[in-house]
N, C-alpha and C. Protein backbone atom coordinates (compact mmCIF):
# COMPACT_ATOMS: atom_id res chain seq x y z
N MET A 1 -135.32 89.50 63.44
CA MET A 1 -136.02 88.97 62.19
C MET A 1 -135.29 88.40 60.87
N LYS A 2 -134.59 89.47 61.20
CA LYS A 2 -133.47 89.02 59.49
C LYS A 2 -132.43 87.73 59.46
N LYS A 3 -132.31 88.20 60.92
CA LYS A 3 -130.92 87.19 61.27
C LYS A 3 -131.52 85.44 61.18
N LEU A 4 -132.94 85.18 61.73
CA LEU A 4 -133.60 84.38 61.30
C LEU A 4 -134.33 83.97 60.34
N ILE A 5 -134.36 84.68 59.28
CA ILE A 5 -134.42 84.52 57.76
C ILE A 5 -133.37 83.92 57.55
N ALA A 6 -132.35 84.68 57.95
CA ALA A 6 -131.36 83.99 56.82
C ALA A 6 -131.14 82.59 57.34
N VAL A 7 -130.79 82.34 58.56
CA VAL A 7 -130.86 81.35 59.33
C VAL A 7 -131.70 79.98 58.72
N CYS A 8 -132.76 80.42 58.47
CA CYS A 8 -133.80 79.82 58.05
C CYS A 8 -133.07 79.08 56.62
N LEU A 9 -132.94 80.37 55.36
CA LEU A 9 -132.36 79.98 54.14
C LEU A 9 -131.16 78.96 54.04
N THR A 10 -130.64 79.40 54.79
CA THR A 10 -129.22 78.92 54.77
C THR A 10 -129.44 77.13 55.29
N ALA A 11 -130.42 76.87 56.08
CA ALA A 11 -130.53 75.28 56.13
C ALA A 11 -131.44 75.07 55.19
N PHE A 12 -132.11 75.68 55.05
CA PHE A 12 -133.14 75.41 53.64
C PHE A 12 -131.61 74.83 52.22
N ALA A 13 -131.16 75.70 51.96
CA ALA A 13 -129.76 75.56 51.32
C ALA A 13 -128.98 74.29 51.35
N LEU A 14 -128.68 74.03 52.69
CA LEU A 14 -127.72 73.08 53.09
C LEU A 14 -128.61 71.68 52.85
N LEU A 15 -130.12 71.59 53.26
CA LEU A 15 -131.19 70.81 53.00
C LEU A 15 -130.90 70.25 51.53
N CYS A 16 -131.44 71.21 50.45
CA CYS A 16 -131.59 71.18 49.26
C CYS A 16 -130.51 70.52 48.77
N ALA A 17 -129.46 70.74 49.21
CA ALA A 17 -127.48 70.11 48.40
C ALA A 17 -127.42 69.34 48.82
N ALA A 18 -128.00 68.10 50.29
CA ALA A 18 -127.87 67.17 50.70
C ALA A 18 -127.97 66.19 49.41
N PRO A 19 -127.01 65.29 49.59
CA PRO A 19 -126.96 64.00 47.95
C PRO A 19 -128.69 63.20 48.07
N ALA A 20 -129.36 63.18 47.45
CA ALA A 20 -130.60 62.51 47.75
C ALA A 20 -130.05 60.70 47.30
N SER A 21 -131.01 60.10 48.05
CA SER A 21 -130.46 58.59 47.61
C SER A 21 -130.72 57.81 46.32
N GLN A 22 -130.14 57.26 45.84
CA GLN A 22 -130.00 56.64 45.00
C GLN A 22 -130.44 55.01 44.93
N THR A 23 -130.66 54.25 44.34
CA THR A 23 -130.52 52.63 43.86
C THR A 23 -129.54 52.19 43.24
N PHE A 24 -128.57 51.24 43.70
CA PHE A 24 -127.77 50.66 42.56
C PHE A 24 -128.49 48.76 42.68
N THR A 25 -128.06 48.49 41.66
CA THR A 25 -128.66 46.68 41.76
C THR A 25 -126.99 45.99 41.04
N GLY A 26 -126.47 45.27 41.92
CA GLY A 26 -125.48 44.00 41.28
C GLY A 26 -125.21 43.09 42.45
N THR A 27 -123.85 42.81 42.53
CA THR A 27 -123.80 41.35 43.42
C THR A 27 -122.55 41.64 44.29
N ILE A 28 -123.04 41.49 45.66
CA ILE A 28 -122.29 41.15 47.10
C ILE A 28 -121.08 40.79 46.74
N THR A 29 -119.84 41.28 46.60
CA THR A 29 -118.73 40.29 46.72
C THR A 29 -117.22 41.45 47.87
N ASP A 30 -116.03 40.46 47.64
CA ASP A 30 -115.26 40.92 48.37
C ASP A 30 -114.92 41.99 47.78
N GLU A 31 -113.90 42.93 48.17
CA GLU A 31 -112.91 43.86 47.63
C GLU A 31 -111.28 43.36 46.91
N PHE A 32 -111.53 41.91 47.02
CA PHE A 32 -110.18 41.22 46.74
C PHE A 32 -110.45 40.65 45.12
N CYS A 33 -111.59 40.16 45.19
CA CYS A 33 -112.07 39.59 43.44
C CYS A 33 -112.63 40.51 42.95
N ASN A 34 -113.69 41.58 44.05
CA ASN A 34 -113.88 42.48 43.29
C ASN A 34 -115.36 42.69 41.64
N LYS A 35 -115.25 41.42 41.99
CA LYS A 35 -116.01 41.07 41.00
C LYS A 35 -116.89 40.00 40.86
N ALA A 36 -118.36 39.57 39.94
CA ALA A 36 -119.01 38.79 40.16
C ALA A 36 -118.03 37.20 40.39
N ASP A 37 -116.95 36.12 39.23
CA ASP A 37 -116.27 35.85 39.23
C ASP A 37 -115.30 35.22 40.42
N HIS A 38 -115.10 34.37 40.83
CA HIS A 38 -114.37 33.99 41.37
C HIS A 38 -113.22 33.06 41.17
N LYS A 39 -113.41 32.71 39.79
CA LYS A 39 -112.30 31.38 39.44
C LYS A 39 -110.99 31.60 40.12
N GLU A 40 -110.90 32.95 40.40
CA GLU A 40 -108.97 32.65 40.49
C GLU A 40 -109.08 33.11 41.90
N MET A 41 -109.68 32.96 42.77
CA MET A 41 -109.33 32.94 44.02
C MET A 41 -110.12 31.40 44.73
N LYS A 42 -110.87 31.17 44.19
CA LYS A 42 -111.87 29.69 45.17
C LYS A 42 -111.13 29.92 46.22
N MET A 43 -112.17 30.30 47.27
CA MET A 43 -111.98 30.69 48.96
C MET A 43 -112.30 29.27 49.36
N GLY A 44 -113.49 28.78 48.50
CA GLY A 44 -114.22 27.69 49.20
C GLY A 44 -114.79 27.16 47.70
N PRO A 45 -115.70 26.20 48.01
CA PRO A 45 -116.34 25.59 47.00
C PRO A 45 -117.51 26.17 46.55
N ASP A 46 -117.91 27.47 46.47
CA ASP A 46 -118.58 28.34 45.25
C ASP A 46 -118.35 29.88 45.57
N ASP A 47 -118.97 30.58 45.24
CA ASP A 47 -118.94 32.23 45.45
C ASP A 47 -118.82 32.59 46.02
N ALA A 48 -120.34 32.02 46.81
CA ALA A 48 -120.54 32.65 48.45
C ALA A 48 -119.18 32.66 49.81
N ALA A 49 -119.39 31.25 49.18
CA ALA A 49 -118.05 30.77 50.60
C ALA A 49 -116.81 32.12 49.94
N CYS A 50 -116.80 31.93 49.09
CA CYS A 50 -115.24 32.49 48.64
C CYS A 50 -115.23 34.33 48.75
N VAL A 51 -116.43 34.56 49.06
CA VAL A 51 -116.76 36.00 49.24
C VAL A 51 -116.47 35.89 51.06
N THR A 52 -117.26 35.06 51.56
CA THR A 52 -117.64 34.92 52.80
C THR A 52 -115.27 34.53 53.36
N ALA A 53 -115.05 34.19 52.81
CA ALA A 53 -113.57 33.76 53.46
C ALA A 53 -112.81 34.63 52.82
N CYS A 54 -112.85 35.65 51.86
CA CYS A 54 -111.85 36.85 52.01
C CYS A 54 -112.17 37.79 52.99
N VAL A 55 -113.73 38.27 53.24
CA VAL A 55 -113.85 39.25 54.23
C VAL A 55 -113.03 38.29 55.57
N LYS A 56 -113.87 37.53 56.08
CA LYS A 56 -113.46 36.87 57.12
C LYS A 56 -112.29 36.66 57.44
N ASP A 57 -111.50 35.83 56.65
CA ASP A 57 -110.38 35.02 57.04
C ASP A 57 -109.35 36.09 56.14
N MET A 58 -109.35 37.23 55.67
CA MET A 58 -108.39 38.32 54.65
C MET A 58 -108.60 39.12 55.16
N ASN A 59 -109.77 39.42 55.98
CA ASN A 59 -109.78 40.62 57.01
C ASN A 59 -110.62 41.92 55.71
N GLY A 60 -111.30 41.27 54.60
CA GLY A 60 -111.66 42.03 53.20
C GLY A 60 -113.02 43.17 53.84
N LYS A 61 -113.58 43.51 53.07
CA LYS A 61 -114.33 44.26 53.04
C LYS A 61 -115.54 43.99 52.00
N TYR A 62 -117.11 43.90 51.86
CA TYR A 62 -117.75 43.63 51.30
C TYR A 62 -118.11 44.89 50.10
N VAL A 63 -118.52 44.67 48.90
CA VAL A 63 -119.07 45.50 48.06
C VAL A 63 -119.39 45.30 46.99
N LEU A 64 -120.02 46.38 46.12
CA LEU A 64 -120.68 46.18 45.06
C LEU A 64 -120.33 46.11 43.64
N PHE A 65 -120.34 45.17 43.00
CA PHE A 65 -119.93 44.99 41.45
C PHE A 65 -121.48 44.93 40.78
N ASP A 66 -121.43 45.96 40.03
CA ASP A 66 -122.56 46.50 39.44
C ASP A 66 -122.32 45.91 37.54
N GLY A 67 -121.51 45.09 37.57
CA GLY A 67 -120.84 44.57 36.17
C GLY A 67 -119.75 45.87 35.25
N LYS A 68 -119.82 46.81 35.98
CA LYS A 68 -118.83 47.52 35.66
C LYS A 68 -117.71 48.38 36.63
N GLU A 69 -118.49 49.16 37.59
CA GLU A 69 -117.72 49.12 38.83
C GLU A 69 -118.03 48.74 40.06
N VAL A 70 -117.27 48.58 41.08
CA VAL A 70 -117.25 48.79 41.59
C VAL A 70 -116.81 49.74 43.47
N TYR A 71 -118.47 49.37 43.67
CA TYR A 71 -118.46 50.33 44.94
C TYR A 71 -118.25 50.02 46.19
N GLY A 72 -117.69 51.04 47.49
CA GLY A 72 -117.58 50.52 48.93
C GLY A 72 -118.61 50.22 49.16
N LEU A 73 -119.02 50.04 50.32
CA LEU A 73 -120.26 50.02 51.54
C LEU A 73 -119.84 50.15 52.62
N SER A 74 -120.26 51.59 53.05
CA SER A 74 -120.48 52.11 54.12
C SER A 74 -121.34 50.64 55.68
N ASP A 75 -121.46 49.87 55.38
CA ASP A 75 -122.55 48.87 55.95
C ASP A 75 -121.37 47.48 55.62
N GLN A 76 -121.44 46.85 56.82
CA GLN A 76 -120.68 45.87 56.11
C GLN A 76 -120.97 44.32 57.09
N LYS A 77 -122.48 44.73 58.02
CA LYS A 77 -122.65 43.58 58.26
C LYS A 77 -124.16 43.06 57.45
N ALA A 78 -124.60 44.29 57.05
CA ALA A 78 -125.66 43.88 56.11
C ALA A 78 -125.75 42.97 54.75
N PRO A 79 -124.13 43.33 54.17
CA PRO A 79 -124.02 42.32 53.50
C PRO A 79 -123.88 40.81 53.46
N SER A 80 -123.60 40.92 54.56
CA SER A 80 -122.90 39.61 54.82
C SER A 80 -123.83 38.28 54.53
N LYS A 81 -125.22 38.31 55.18
CA LYS A 81 -126.26 37.39 54.32
C LYS A 81 -126.77 37.23 52.80
N PHE A 82 -125.85 38.28 51.87
CA PHE A 82 -126.28 38.24 50.62
C PHE A 82 -124.91 38.24 49.77
N ALA A 83 -123.76 37.53 50.34
CA ALA A 83 -122.90 37.27 49.58
C ALA A 83 -122.86 36.43 48.52
N ALA A 84 -122.48 37.07 47.05
CA ALA A 84 -122.51 36.52 45.84
C ALA A 84 -124.12 36.57 45.76
N LYS A 85 -124.47 36.93 45.83
CA LYS A 85 -125.98 37.81 45.53
C LYS A 85 -126.15 38.77 44.42
N LYS A 86 -126.98 38.64 44.03
CA LYS A 86 -127.82 39.99 43.17
C LYS A 86 -128.85 40.91 44.27
N VAL A 87 -128.53 41.80 44.58
CA VAL A 87 -129.06 42.91 45.44
C VAL A 87 -129.28 44.22 44.95
N THR A 88 -130.16 44.99 45.43
CA THR A 88 -130.39 46.69 44.99
C THR A 88 -129.80 47.36 46.48
N VAL A 89 -129.16 47.77 46.57
CA VAL A 89 -128.82 49.05 47.51
C VAL A 89 -129.35 50.20 47.13
N THR A 90 -129.77 50.59 48.24
CA THR A 90 -130.13 51.92 48.93
C THR A 90 -129.44 52.54 49.62
N GLY A 91 -128.92 54.12 48.76
CA GLY A 91 -127.88 54.84 49.57
C GLY A 91 -127.62 56.08 48.92
N THR A 92 -126.86 56.61 49.69
CA THR A 92 -126.19 57.90 48.60
C THR A 92 -124.62 57.54 48.12
N LEU A 93 -123.85 58.24 47.06
CA LEU A 93 -123.35 58.09 46.59
C LEU A 93 -121.94 58.76 46.79
N ASP A 94 -120.87 58.67 47.61
CA ASP A 94 -119.71 59.66 47.13
C ASP A 94 -119.32 59.39 46.18
N ALA A 95 -119.15 60.27 44.80
CA ALA A 95 -118.49 59.77 43.33
C ALA A 95 -116.84 59.59 43.78
N LYS A 96 -116.46 60.83 44.74
CA LYS A 96 -114.89 60.48 44.72
C LYS A 96 -114.09 59.34 45.55
N THR A 97 -115.23 58.86 46.25
CA THR A 97 -114.23 57.87 46.85
C THR A 97 -115.42 55.95 46.47
N LYS A 98 -116.14 56.59 45.59
CA LYS A 98 -117.51 55.17 45.77
C LYS A 98 -117.38 54.83 46.32
N MET A 99 -117.72 55.26 47.51
CA MET A 99 -118.90 54.84 48.66
C MET A 99 -119.96 55.01 48.42
N ILE A 100 -120.76 53.88 48.72
CA ILE A 100 -122.06 54.03 49.39
C ILE A 100 -122.57 54.01 50.62
N LYS A 101 -123.48 55.29 51.12
CA LYS A 101 -123.99 55.19 52.47
C LYS A 101 -124.64 54.48 52.33
N VAL A 102 -124.94 53.44 52.76
CA VAL A 102 -125.78 52.44 52.48
C VAL A 102 -126.89 52.61 53.58
N GLU A 103 -128.46 53.12 52.96
CA GLU A 103 -129.37 52.86 54.01
C GLU A 103 -129.94 51.19 53.76
N LYS A 104 -130.31 50.99 52.94
CA LYS A 104 -130.95 49.53 53.02
C LYS A 104 -130.28 48.38 52.32
N ILE A 105 -130.15 47.15 52.13
CA ILE A 105 -130.05 46.67 50.88
C ILE A 105 -130.68 45.39 51.27
N GLU A 106 -131.35 45.13 50.03
CA GLU A 106 -132.55 44.11 49.29
C GLU A 106 -132.21 42.98 48.35
N ALA A 107 -132.69 41.93 48.24
CA ALA A 107 -132.38 41.40 47.12
C ALA A 107 -132.76 41.57 46.34
N ALA A 108 -132.56 41.26 44.82
CA ALA A 108 -132.57 42.32 43.76
C ALA A 108 -133.67 40.86 42.79
N HIS A 109 -134.85 41.55 42.38
CA HIS A 109 -136.12 40.82 42.23
C HIS A 109 -136.03 40.42 40.49
C-alpha cells in the first residue's frame, strides 16, 4: 500500500511540474527573415510569398515573431497557411531553446 501511495504521489508531482499551455501572438515568418519585414530578402511579390519561398526553396523553418522575440515552432505544416499573417499560437514553451510545442495556431483577432 505504501508503494502505491508513493507511486501516486510521484505521478501527481510530475503532472504538476509539466509546463502549462500558453498563448503567443505574433506574425508567422521564416527563420531567415525572422521578423515581420521582408524588405531585405524579397523572395516574392509580397511578404507571404517571401516567407513561403524561404521555407520551401531554401529549406527554412516557420517561426513566430512577436515584435521582440523569435520562437521556433514544432509544427511546420499548420503555419504554412498563415505565412506573414498575425496569429495566436497555443502551446508550451521550452525557454532554453525558444521552441513552442504547438497545440494549435489560429488567426489573431
